[in-house]
Amino acid sequence: MARIEVGALHHLPKRIGKCVKIGHMELALFRLSNDHVYAVENRCPHRGGDLSQGIVSGEFLFCPLHDWKICMRDGNVQAPDRGCVKTYKVEIENEKIYVQL
């Protein structure tokens, strides 16, 4: 597994997504009100919506295209919709954000 630095915590606004490109991959990063950071693949399983543009509510993310509700903790889409996005482990060290790929 690779540990990749993706930015500084103070550059990631709270409750607003940020798209980060690592090679051919796109991740969506989200910083919650409590400073916990989640990283998920930046593509909705329904129609490929840009999840970094979604709306955050607690640990859930709403796809900007069709309002699918996705848990950022495990990547699962809430029923009755079905699907999953890949999630990535995030570590904060010395105000830097690292993602495990």
PDB file of N, CA and C in Angstrom:
ATOM      1  N   MET A   1       0.829  -1.195   0.000  1.00  0.00           N
ATOM      2  CA  MET A   1       0.000   0.000   0.000  1.00  0.00           C
ATOM      3  C   MET A   1       0.865   1.246   0.000  1.00  0.00           C
ATOM      4  N   ALA A   2       0.443   2.209  -0.756  1.00  0.00           N
ATOM      5  CA  ALA A   2       1.169   3.472  -0.810  1.00  0.00           C
ATOM      6  C   ALA A   2       0.465   4.505   0.062  1.00  0.00           C
ATOM      7  N   ARG A   3       1.247   5.270   0.760  1.00  0.00           N
ATOM      8  CA  ARG A   3       0.744   6.376   1.582  1.00  0.00           C
ATOM      9  C   ARG A   3       1.094   7.663   0.849  1.00  0.00           C
ATOM     10  N   ILE A   4       0.072   8.377   0.387  1.00  0.00           N
ATOM     11  CA  ILE A   4       0.271   9.552  -0.459  1.00  0.00           C
ATOM     12  C   ILE A   4      -0.200  10.814   0.258  1.00  0.00           C
ATOM     13  N   GLU A   5       0.648  11.835   0.293  1.00  0.00           N
ATOM     14  CA  GLU A   5       0.220  13.129   0.835  1.00  0.00           C
ATOM     15  C   GLU A   5      -0.653  13.825  -0.207  1.00  0.00           C
ATOM     16  N   VAL A   6      -1.838  14.281   0.226  1.00  0.00           N
ATOM     17  CA  VAL A   6      -2.779  14.900  -0.707  1.00  0.00           C
ATOM     18  C   VAL A   6      -3.098  16.355  -0.379  1.00  0.00           C
ATOM     19  N   GLY A   7      -2.476  16.902   0.654  1.00  0.00           N
ATOM     20  CA  GLY A   7      -2.703  18.314   0.967  1.00  0.00           C
ATOM     21  C   GLY A   7      -2.596  18.595   2.444  1.00  0.00           C
ATOM     22  N   ALA A   8      -2.867  19.854   2.781  1.00  0.00           N
ATOM     23  CA  ALA A   8      -2.823  20.303   4.168  1.00  0.00           C
ATOM     24  C   ALA A   8      -4.247  20.437   4.705  1.00  0.00           C
ATOM     25  N   LEU A   9      -4.434  20.083   5.953  1.00  0.00           N
ATOM     26  CA  LEU A   9      -5.759  20.128   6.562  1.00  0.00           C
ATOM     27  C   LEU A   9      -6.376  21.523   6.472  1.00  0.00           C
ATOM     28  N   HIS A  10      -5.584  22.558   6.704  1.00  0.00           N
ATOM     29  CA  HIS A  10      -6.150  23.915   6.694  1.00  0.00           C
ATOM     30  C   HIS A  10      -6.555  24.387   5.283  1.00  0.00           C
ATOM     31  N   HIS A  11      -6.152  23.675   4.233  1.00  0.00           N
ATOM     32  CA  HIS A  11      -6.569  24.016   2.873  1.00  0.00           C
ATOM     33  C   HIS A  11      -7.838  23.284   2.445  1.00  0.00           C
ATOM     34  N   LEU A  12      -8.326  22.387   3.282  1.00  0.00           N
ATOM     35  CA  LEU A  12      -9.537  21.633   2.968  1.00  0.00           C
ATOM     36  C   LEU A  12     -10.695  22.239   3.757  1.00  0.00           C
ATOM     37  N   PRO A  13     -11.604  22.930   3.074  1.00  0.00           N
ATOM     38  CA  PRO A  13     -12.713  23.571   3.792  1.00  0.00           C
ATOM     39  C   PRO A  13     -13.641  22.537   4.415  1.00  0.00           C
ATOM     40  N   LYS A  14     -14.275  22.901   5.497  1.00  0.00           N
ATOM     41  CA  LYS A  14     -15.209  21.994   6.164  1.00  0.00           C
ATOM     42  C   LYS A  14     -16.486  21.866   5.356  1.00  0.00           C
ATOM     43  N   ARG A  15     -16.954  20.594   5.232  1.00  0.00           N
ATOM     44  CA  ARG A  15     -18.230  20.227   4.614  1.00  0.00           C
ATOM     45  C   ARG A  15     -18.329  20.568   3.130  1.00  0.00           C
ATOM     46  N   ILE A  16     -17.188  20.795   2.486  1.00  0.00           N
ATOM     47  CA  ILE A  16     -17.158  21.046   1.036  1.00  0.00           C
ATOM     48  C   ILE A  16     -16.132  20.088   0.437  1.00  0.00           C
ATOM     49  N   GLY A  17     -16.514  19.421  -0.633  1.00  0.00           N
ATOM     50  CA  GLY A  17     -15.635  18.444  -1.247  1.00  0.00           C
ATOM     51  C   GLY A  17     -14.511  19.066  -2.050  1.00  0.00           C
ATOM     52  N   LYS A  18     -13.451  18.294  -2.188  1.00  0.00           N
ATOM     53  CA  LYS A  18     -12.311  18.704  -3.000  1.00  0.00           C
ATOM     54  C   LYS A  18     -11.856  17.494  -3.812  1.00  0.00           C
ATOM     55  N   CYS A  19     -11.705  17.684  -5.114  1.00  0.00           N
ATOM     56  CA  CYS A  19     -11.220  16.627  -5.991  1.00  0.00           C
ATOM     57  C   CYS A  19      -9.695  16.628  -5.985  1.00  0.00           C
ATOM     58  N   VAL A  20      -9.117  15.455  -5.795  1.00  0.00           N
ATOM     59  CA  VAL A  20      -7.664  15.291  -5.800  1.00  0.00           C
ATOM     60  C   VAL A  20      -7.337  14.212  -6.824  1.00  0.00           C
ATOM     61  N   LYS A  21      -6.405  14.522  -7.733  1.00  0.00           N
ATOM     62  CA  LYS A  21      -5.986  13.554  -8.737  1.00  0.00           C
ATOM     63  C   LYS A  21      -4.649  12.953  -8.341  1.00  0.00           C
ATOM     64  N   ILE A  22      -4.617  11.618  -8.385  1.00  0.00           N
ATOM     65  CA  ILE A  22      -3.386  10.880  -8.113  1.00  0.00           C
ATOM     66  C   ILE A  22      -3.196   9.936  -9.292  1.00  0.00           C
ATOM     67  N   GLY A  23      -2.299  10.292 -10.197  1.00  0.00           N
ATOM     68  CA  GLY A  23      -2.131   9.508 -11.413  1.00  0.00           C
ATOM     69  C   GLY A  23      -3.418   9.523 -12.205  1.00  0.00           C
ATOM     70  N   HIS A  24      -3.973   8.354 -12.507  1.00  0.00           N
ATOM     71  CA  HIS A  24      -5.223   8.253 -13.257  1.00  0.00           C
ATOM     72  C   HIS A  24      -6.455   8.237 -12.349  1.00  0.00           C
ATOM     73  N   MET A  25      -6.244   8.260 -11.028  1.00  0.00           N
ATOM     74  CA  MET A  25      -7.351   8.193 -10.069  1.00  0.00           C
ATOM     75  C   MET A  25      -7.824   9.585  -9.667  1.00  0.00           C
ATOM     76  N   GLU A  26      -9.123   9.680  -9.392  1.00  0.00           N
ATOM     77  CA  GLU A  26      -9.689  10.898  -8.819  1.00  0.00           C
ATOM     78  C   GLU A  26     -10.351  10.530  -7.505  1.00  0.00           C
ATOM     79  N   LEU A  27      -9.962  11.233  -6.437  1.00  0.00           N
ATOM     80  CA  LEU A  27     -10.561  11.039  -5.129  1.00  0.00           C
ATOM     81  C   LEU A  27     -11.334  12.296  -4.746  1.00  0.00           C
ATOM     82  N   ALA A  28     -12.378  12.102  -3.960  1.00  0.00           N
ATOM     83  CA  ALA A  28     -13.115  13.217  -3.379  1.00  0.00           C
ATOM     84  C   ALA A  28     -12.786  13.228  -1.890  1.00  0.00           C
ATOM     85  N   LEU A  29     -12.267  14.354  -1.400  1.00  0.00           N
ATOM     86  CA  LEU A  29     -11.941  14.504   0.018  1.00  0.00           C
ATOM     87  C   LEU A  29     -12.985  15.378   0.678  1.00  0.00           C
ATOM     88  N   PHE A  30     -13.348  15.011   1.901  1.00  0.00           N
ATOM     89  CA  PHE A  30     -14.320  15.775   2.665  1.00  0.00           C
ATOM     90  C   PHE A  30     -13.842  15.914   4.101  1.00  0.00           C
ATOM     91  N   ARG A  31     -13.885  17.137   4.605  1.00  0.00           N
ATOM     92  CA  ARG A  31     -13.535  17.417   5.999  1.00  0.00           C
ATOM     93  C   ARG A  31     -14.828  17.758   6.734  1.00  0.00           C
ATOM     94  N   LEU A  32     -15.138  16.969   7.746  1.00  0.00           N
ATOM     95  CA  LEU A  32     -16.350  17.197   8.515  1.00  0.00           C
ATOM     96  C   LEU A  32     -16.155  18.320   9.522  1.00  0.00           C
ATOM     97  N   SER A  33     -17.234  18.714  10.158  1.00  0.00           N
ATOM     98  CA  SER A  33     -17.188  19.794  11.166  1.00  0.00           C
ATOM     99  C   SER A  33     -16.244  19.466  12.310  1.00  0.00           C
ATOM    100  N   ASN A  34     -16.088  18.160  12.612  1.00  0.00           N
ATOM    101  CA  ASN A  34     -15.206  17.738  13.710  1.00  0.00           C
ATOM    102  C   ASN A  34     -13.764  17.498  13.245  1.00  0.00           C
ATOM    103  N   ASP A  35     -13.437  17.917  12.013  1.00  0.00           N
ATOM    104  CA  ASP A  35     -12.111  17.794  11.389  1.00  0.00           C
ATOM    105  C   ASP A  35     -11.760  16.379  10.935  1.00  0.00           C
ATOM    106  N   HIS A  36     -12.677  15.430  11.049  1.00  0.00           N
ATOM    107  CA  HIS A  36     -12.433  14.097  10.495  1.00  0.00           C
ATOM    108  C   HIS A  36     -12.480  14.212   8.967  1.00  0.00           C
ATOM    109  N   VAL A  37     -11.546  13.564   8.282  1.00  0.00           N
ATOM    110  CA  VAL A  37     -11.468  13.638   6.824  1.00  0.00           C
ATOM    111  C   VAL A  37     -11.758  12.266   6.235  1.00  0.00           C
ATOM    112  N   TYR A  38     -12.598  12.254   5.199  1.00  0.00           N
ATOM    113  CA  TYR A  38     -12.907  11.044   4.447  1.00  0.00           C
ATOM    114  C   TYR A  38     -12.410  11.198   3.019  1.00  0.00           C
ATOM    115  N   ALA A  39     -12.031  10.077   2.426  1.00  0.00           N
ATOM    116  CA  ALA A  39     -11.648  10.038   1.013  1.00  0.00           C
ATOM    117  C   ALA A  39     -12.422   8.903   0.351  1.00  0.00           C
ATOM    118  N   VAL A  40     -13.094   9.227  -0.753  1.00  0.00           N
ATOM    119  CA  VAL A  40     -13.837   8.238  -1.523  1.00  0.00           C
ATOM    120  C   VAL A  40     -13.506   8.429  -2.997  1.00  0.00           C
ATOM    121  N   GLU A  41     -13.750   7.380  -3.786  1.00  0.00           N
ATOM    122  CA  GLU A  41     -13.561   7.564  -5.223  1.00  0.00           C
ATOM    123  C   GLU A  41     -14.529   8.645  -5.687  1.00  0.00           C
ATOM    124  N   ASN A  42     -14.108   9.429  -6.649  1.00  0.00           N
ATOM    125  CA  ASN A  42     -14.872  10.602  -7.077  1.00  0.00           C
ATOM    126  C   ASN A  42     -15.834  10.266  -8.212  1.00  0.00           C
ATOM    127  N   ARG A  43     -16.579   9.181  -8.042  1.00  0.00           N
ATOM    128  CA  ARG A  43     -17.493   8.765  -9.102  1.00  0.00           C
ATOM    129  C   ARG A  43     -18.663   8.015  -8.489  1.00  0.00           C
ATOM    130  N   CYS A  44     -19.856   8.545  -8.669  1.00  0.00           N
ATOM    131  CA  CYS A  44     -21.062   7.883  -8.157  1.00  0.00           C
ATOM    132  C   CYS A  44     -21.293   6.580  -8.924  1.00  0.00           C
ATOM    133  N   PRO A  45     -21.699   5.498  -8.224  1.00  0.00           N
ATOM    134  CA  PRO A  45     -21.922   4.227  -8.918  1.00  0.00           C
ATOM    135  C   PRO A  45     -23.171   4.233  -9.797  1.00  0.00           C
ATOM    136  N   HIS A  46     -24.003   5.228  -9.677  1.00  0.00           N
ATOM    137  CA  HIS A  46     -25.242   5.281 -10.448  1.00  0.00           C
ATOM    138  C   HIS A  46     -25.003   5.780 -11.862  1.00  0.00           C
ATOM    139  N   ARG A  47     -24.553   7.018 -12.008  1.00  0.00           N
ATOM    140  CA  ARG A  47     -24.343   7.608 -13.333  1.00  0.00           C
ATOM    141  C   ARG A  47     -22.997   8.325 -13.445  1.00  0.00           C
ATOM    142  N   GLY A  48     -22.096   8.027 -12.536  1.00  0.00           N
ATOM    143  CA  GLY A  48     -20.754   8.597 -12.632  1.00  0.00           C
ATOM    144  C   GLY A  48     -20.638  10.039 -12.190  1.00  0.00           C
ATOM    145  N   GLY A  49     -21.580  10.507 -11.392  1.00  0.00           N
ATOM    146  CA  GLY A  49     -21.547  11.894 -10.930  1.00  0.00           C
ATOM    147  C   GLY A  49     -20.276  12.229 -10.168  1.00  0.00           C
ATOM    148  N   ASP A  50     -19.871  13.481 -10.241  1.00  0.00           N
ATOM    149  CA  ASP A  50     -18.680  14.012  -9.568  1.00  0.00           C
ATOM    150  C   ASP A  50     -19.005  14.194  -8.086  1.00  0.00           C
ATOM    151  N   LEU A  51     -18.614  13.233  -7.258  1.00  0.00           N
ATOM    152  CA  LEU A  51     -18.985  13.265  -5.842  1.00  0.00           C
ATOM    153  C   LEU A  51     -18.360  14.426  -5.079  1.00  0.00           C
ATOM    154  N   SER A  52     -17.248  14.956  -5.557  1.00  0.00           N
ATOM    155  CA  SER A  52     -16.637  16.095  -4.859  1.00  0.00           C
ATOM    156  C   SER A  52     -17.551  17.319  -4.890  1.00  0.00           C
ATOM    157  N   GLN A  53     -18.549  17.303  -5.764  1.00  0.00           N
ATOM    158  CA  GLN A  53     -19.525  18.398  -5.858  1.00  0.00           C
ATOM    159  C   GLN A  53     -20.780  18.113  -5.029  1.00  0.00           C
ATOM    160  N   GLY A  54     -20.791  16.994  -4.310  1.00  0.00           N
ATOM    161  CA  GLY A  54     -21.959  16.586  -3.540  1.00  0.00           C
ATOM    162  C   GLY A  54     -22.138  17.387  -2.264  1.00  0.00           C
ATOM    163  N   ILE A  55     -23.259  17.126  -1.603  1.00  0.00           N
ATOM    164  CA  ILE A  55     -23.608  17.802  -0.354  1.00  0.00           C
ATOM    165  C   ILE A  55     -23.322  16.854   0.804  1.00  0.00           C
ATOM    166  N   VAL A  56     -22.681  17.378   1.843  1.00  0.00           N
ATOM    167  CA  VAL A  56     -22.306  16.599   3.016  1.00  0.00           C
ATOM    168  C   VAL A  56     -23.325  16.818   4.133  1.00  0.00           C
ATOM    169  N   SER A  57     -23.731  15.712   4.752  1.00  0.00           N
ATOM    170  CA  SER A  57     -24.607  15.763   5.925  1.00  0.00           C
ATOM    171  C   SER A  57     -24.114  14.697   6.888  1.00  0.00           C
ATOM    172  N   GLY A  58     -23.443  15.113   7.934  1.00  0.00           N
ATOM    173  CA  GLY A  58     -22.841  14.160   8.869  1.00  0.00           C
ATOM    174  C   GLY A  58     -21.808  13.330   8.132  1.00  0.00           C
ATOM    175  N   GLU A  59     -21.912  12.002   8.247  1.00  0.00           N
ATOM    176  CA  GLU A  59     -20.986  11.103   7.557  1.00  0.00           C
ATOM    177  C   GLU A  59     -21.531  10.643   6.216  1.00  0.00           C
ATOM    178  N   PHE A  60     -22.530  11.358   5.708  1.00  0.00           N
ATOM    179  CA  PHE A  60     -23.147  10.987   4.437  1.00  0.00           C
ATOM    180  C   PHE A  60     -22.891  12.049   3.382  1.00  0.00           C
ATOM    181  N   LEU A  61     -22.863  11.581   2.166  1.00  0.00           N
ATOM    182  CA  LEU A  61     -22.627  12.413   1.003  1.00  0.00           C
ATOM    183  C   LEU A  61     -23.783  12.182   0.036  1.00  0.00           C
ATOM    184  N   PHE A  62     -24.333  13.265  -0.506  1.00  0.00           N
ATOM    185  CA  PHE A  62     -25.417  13.169  -1.472  1.00  0.00           C
ATOM    186  C   PHE A  62     -24.878  13.499  -2.854  1.00  0.00           C
ATOM    187  N   CYS A  63     -25.038  12.562  -3.794  1.00  0.00           N
ATOM    188  CA  CYS A  63     -24.564  12.756  -5.158  1.00  0.00           C
ATOM    189  C   CYS A  63     -25.256  13.973  -5.767  1.00  0.00           C
ATOM    190  N   PRO A  64     -24.499  14.824  -6.467  1.00  0.00           N
ATOM    191  CA  PRO A  64     -25.090  16.037  -7.042  1.00  0.00           C
ATOM    192  C   PRO A  64     -26.020  15.779  -8.226  1.00  0.00           C
ATOM    193  N   LEU A  65     -25.953  14.600  -8.837  1.00  0.00           N
ATOM    194  CA  LEU A  65     -26.796  14.338 -10.005  1.00  0.00           C
ATOM    195  C   LEU A  65     -28.191  13.848  -9.644  1.00  0.00           C
ATOM    196  N   HIS A  66     -28.271  12.819  -8.790  1.00  0.00           N
ATOM    197  CA  HIS A  66     -29.567  12.210  -8.508  1.00  0.00           C
ATOM    198  C   HIS A  66     -29.819  12.008  -7.026  1.00  0.00           C
ATOM    199  N   ASP A  67     -29.039  12.677  -6.184  1.00  0.00           N
ATOM    200  CA  ASP A  67     -29.275  12.706  -4.740  1.00  0.00           C
ATOM    201  C   ASP A  67     -29.131  11.346  -4.055  1.00  0.00           C
ATOM    202  N   TRP A  68     -28.343  10.437  -4.624  1.00  0.00           N
ATOM    203  CA  TRP A  68     -28.095   9.177  -3.933  1.00  0.00           C
ATOM    204  C   TRP A  68     -27.326   9.471  -2.646  1.00  0.00           C
ATOM    205  N   LYS A  69     -27.700   8.811  -1.570  1.00  0.00           N
ATOM    206  CA  LYS A  69     -27.069   9.007  -0.264  1.00  0.00           C
ATOM    207  C   LYS A  69     -26.009   7.934  -0.056  1.00  0.00           C
ATOM    208  N   ILE A  70     -24.771   8.366   0.149  1.00  0.00           N
ATOM    209  CA  ILE A  70     -23.634   7.452   0.266  1.00  0.00           C
ATOM    210  C   ILE A  70     -22.953   7.661   1.617  1.00  0.00           C
ATOM    211  N   CYS A  71     -22.712   6.573   2.329  1.00  0.00           N
ATOM    212  CA  CYS A  71     -21.995   6.634   3.599  1.00  0.00           C
ATOM    213  C   CYS A  71     -20.499   6.749   3.307  1.00  0.00           C
ATOM    214  N   MET A  72     -19.879   7.806   3.789  1.00  0.00           N
ATOM    215  CA  MET A  72     -18.447   7.986   3.527  1.00  0.00           C
ATOM    216  C   MET A  72     -17.587   7.051   4.364  1.00  0.00           C
ATOM    217  N   ARG A  73     -18.147   6.487   5.434  1.00  0.00           N
ATOM    218  CA  ARG A  73     -17.402   5.571   6.285  1.00  0.00           C
ATOM    219  C   ARG A  73     -17.118   4.248   5.571  1.00  0.00           C
ATOM    220  N   ASP A  74     -18.162   3.687   4.905  1.00  0.00           N
ATOM    221  CA  ASP A  74     -17.986   2.378   4.265  1.00  0.00           C
ATOM    222  C   ASP A  74     -18.251   2.378   2.760  1.00  0.00           C
ATOM    223  N   GLY A  75     -18.720   3.503   2.210  1.00  0.00           N
ATOM    224  CA  GLY A  75     -18.943   3.611   0.772  1.00  0.00           C
ATOM    225  C   GLY A  75     -20.267   3.090   0.277  1.00  0.00           C
ATOM    226  N   ASN A  76     -21.085   2.539   1.168  1.00  0.00           N
ATOM    227  CA  ASN A  76     -22.358   1.955   0.752  1.00  0.00           C
ATOM    228  C   ASN A  76     -23.425   3.011   0.471  1.00  0.00           C
ATOM    229  N   VAL A  77     -24.194   2.749  -0.568  1.00  0.00           N
ATOM    230  CA  VAL A  77     -25.320   3.599  -0.933  1.00  0.00           C
ATOM    231  C   VAL A  77     -26.513   3.177  -0.079  1.00  0.00           C
ATOM    232  N   GLN A  78     -27.277   4.175   0.387  1.00  0.00           N
ATOM    233  CA  GLN A  78     -28.432   3.876   1.228  1.00  0.00           C
ATOM    234  C   GLN A  78     -29.594   3.333   0.401  1.00  0.00           C
ATOM    235  N   ALA A  79     -30.275   2.299   0.939  1.00  0.00           N
ATOM    236  CA  ALA A  79     -31.448   1.714   0.290  1.00  0.00           C
ATOM    237  C   ALA A  79     -32.552   2.769   0.177  1.00  0.00           C
ATOM    238  N   PRO A  80     -33.377   2.713  -0.833  1.00  0.00           N
ATOM    239  CA  PRO A  80     -33.594   1.600  -1.744  1.00  0.00           C
ATOM    240  C   PRO A  80     -32.591   1.553  -2.897  1.00  0.00           C
ATOM    241  N   ASP A  81     -31.739   2.569  -3.032  1.00  0.00           N
ATOM    242  CA  ASP A  81     -30.719   2.543  -4.082  1.00  0.00           C
ATOM    243  C   ASP A  81     -29.657   1.526  -3.696  1.00  0.00           C
ATOM    244  N   ARG A  82     -28.904   1.048  -4.694  1.00  0.00           N
ATOM    245  CA  ARG A  82     -27.889   0.036  -4.421  1.00  0.00           C
ATOM    246  C   ARG A  82     -26.599   0.389  -5.130  1.00  0.00           C
ATOM    247  N   GLY A  83     -25.507   0.100  -4.461  1.00  0.00           N
ATOM    248  CA  GLY A  83     -24.197   0.347  -5.036  1.00  0.00           C
ATOM    249  C   GLY A  83     -23.200   0.661  -3.936  1.00  0.00           C
ATOM    250  N   CYS A  84     -21.985   0.941  -4.361  1.00  0.00           N
ATOM    251  CA  CYS A  84     -20.911   1.197  -3.404  1.00  0.00           C
ATOM    252  C   CYS A  84     -19.806   1.984  -4.103  1.00  0.00           C
ATOM    253  N   VAL A  85     -19.160   2.862  -3.368  1.00  0.00           N
ATOM    254  CA  VAL A  85     -17.965   3.539  -3.872  1.00  0.00           C
ATOM    255  C   VAL A  85     -16.790   3.085  -3.016  1.00  0.00           C
ATOM    256  N   LYS A  86     -15.626   3.109  -3.593  1.00  0.00           N
ATOM    257  CA  LYS A  86     -14.420   2.716  -2.870  1.00  0.00           C
ATOM    258  C   LYS A  86     -14.056   3.823  -1.880  1.00  0.00           C
ATOM    259  N   THR A  87     -13.685   3.424  -0.680  1.00  0.00           N
ATOM    260  CA  THR A  87     -13.240   4.364   0.341  1.00  0.00           C
ATOM    261  C   THR A  87     -11.745   4.149   0.591  1.00  0.00           C
ATOM    262  N   TYR A  88     -11.102   5.168   1.107  1.00  0.00           N
ATOM    263  CA  TYR A  88      -9.663   5.105   1.359  1.00  0.00           C
ATOM    264  C   TYR A  88      -9.381   5.582   2.777  1.00  0.00           C
ATOM    265  N   LYS A  89      -8.459   4.905   3.439  1.00  0.00           N
ATOM    266  CA  LYS A  89      -8.059   5.289   4.792  1.00  0.00           C
ATOM    267  C   LYS A  89      -7.305   6.612   4.738  1.00  0.00           C
ATOM    268  N   VAL A  90      -7.659   7.511   5.651  1.00  0.00           N
ATOM    269  CA  VAL A  90      -7.033   8.833   5.722  1.00  0.00           C
ATOM    270  C   VAL A  90      -6.327   8.975   7.057  1.00  0.00           C
ATOM    271  N   GLU A  91      -5.139   9.549   7.021  1.00  0.00           N
ATOM    272  CA  GLU A  91      -4.384   9.854   8.241  1.00  0.00           C
ATOM    273  C   GLU A  91      -3.997  11.323   8.215  1.00  0.00           C
ATOM    274  N   ILE A  92      -4.073  11.960   9.377  1.00  0.00           N
ATOM    275  CA  ILE A  92      -3.642  13.351   9.526  1.00  0.00           C
ATOM    276  C   ILE A  92      -2.404  13.331  10.415  1.00  0.00           C
ATOM    277  N   GLU A  93      -1.332  13.904   9.899  1.00  0.00           N
ATOM    278  CA  GLU A  93      -0.083  13.949  10.651  1.00  0.00           C
ATOM    279  C   GLU A  93       0.566  15.306  10.423  1.00  0.00           C
ATOM    280  N   ASN A  94       0.805  16.043  11.503  1.00  0.00           N
ATOM    281  CA  ASN A  94       1.405  17.378  11.406  1.00  0.00           C
ATOM    282  C   ASN A  94       0.634  18.267  10.431  1.00  0.00           C
ATOM    283  N   GLU A  95      -0.705  18.209  10.524  1.00  0.00           N
ATOM    284  CA  GLU A  95      -1.609  19.022   9.692  1.00  0.00           C
ATOM    285  C   GLU A  95      -1.570  18.641   8.202  1.00  0.00           C
ATOM    286  N   LYS A  96      -0.903  17.545   7.859  1.00  0.00           N
ATOM    287  CA  LYS A  96      -0.888  17.069   6.488  1.00  0.00           C
ATOM    288  C   LYS A  96      -1.848  15.886   6.358  1.00  0.00           C
ATOM    289  N   ILE A  97      -2.518  15.798   5.191  1.00  0.00           N
ATOM    290  CA  ILE A  97      -3.471  14.738   4.924  1.00  0.00           C
ATOM    291  C   ILE A  97      -2.805  13.672   4.071  1.00  0.00           C
ATOM    292  N   TYR A  98      -2.883  12.426   4.521  1.00  0.00           N
ATOM    293  CA  TYR A  98      -2.331  11.290   3.778  1.00  0.00           C
ATOM    294  C   TYR A  98      -3.445  10.299   3.492  1.00  0.00           C
ATOM    295  N   VAL A  99      -3.426   9.720   2.299  1.00  0.00           N
ATOM    296  CA  VAL A  99      -4.394   8.705   1.906  1.00  0.00           C
ATOM    297  C   VAL A  99      -3.640   7.414   1.619  1.00  0.00           C
ATOM    298  N   GLN A 100      -4.184   6.297   2.121  1.00  0.00           N
ATOM    299  CA  GLN A 100      -3.619   4.975   1.838  1.00  0.00           C
ATOM    300  C   GLN A 100      -4.257   4.431   0.565  1.00  0.00           C
ATOM    301  N   LEU A 101      -3.440   4.155  -0.441  1.00  0.00           N
ATOM    302  CA  LEU A 101      -3.949   3.594  -1.687  1.00  0.00           C
ATOM    303  C   LEU A 101      -3.617   2.121  -1.762  1.00  0.00           C
TER     304      LEU A 101
END
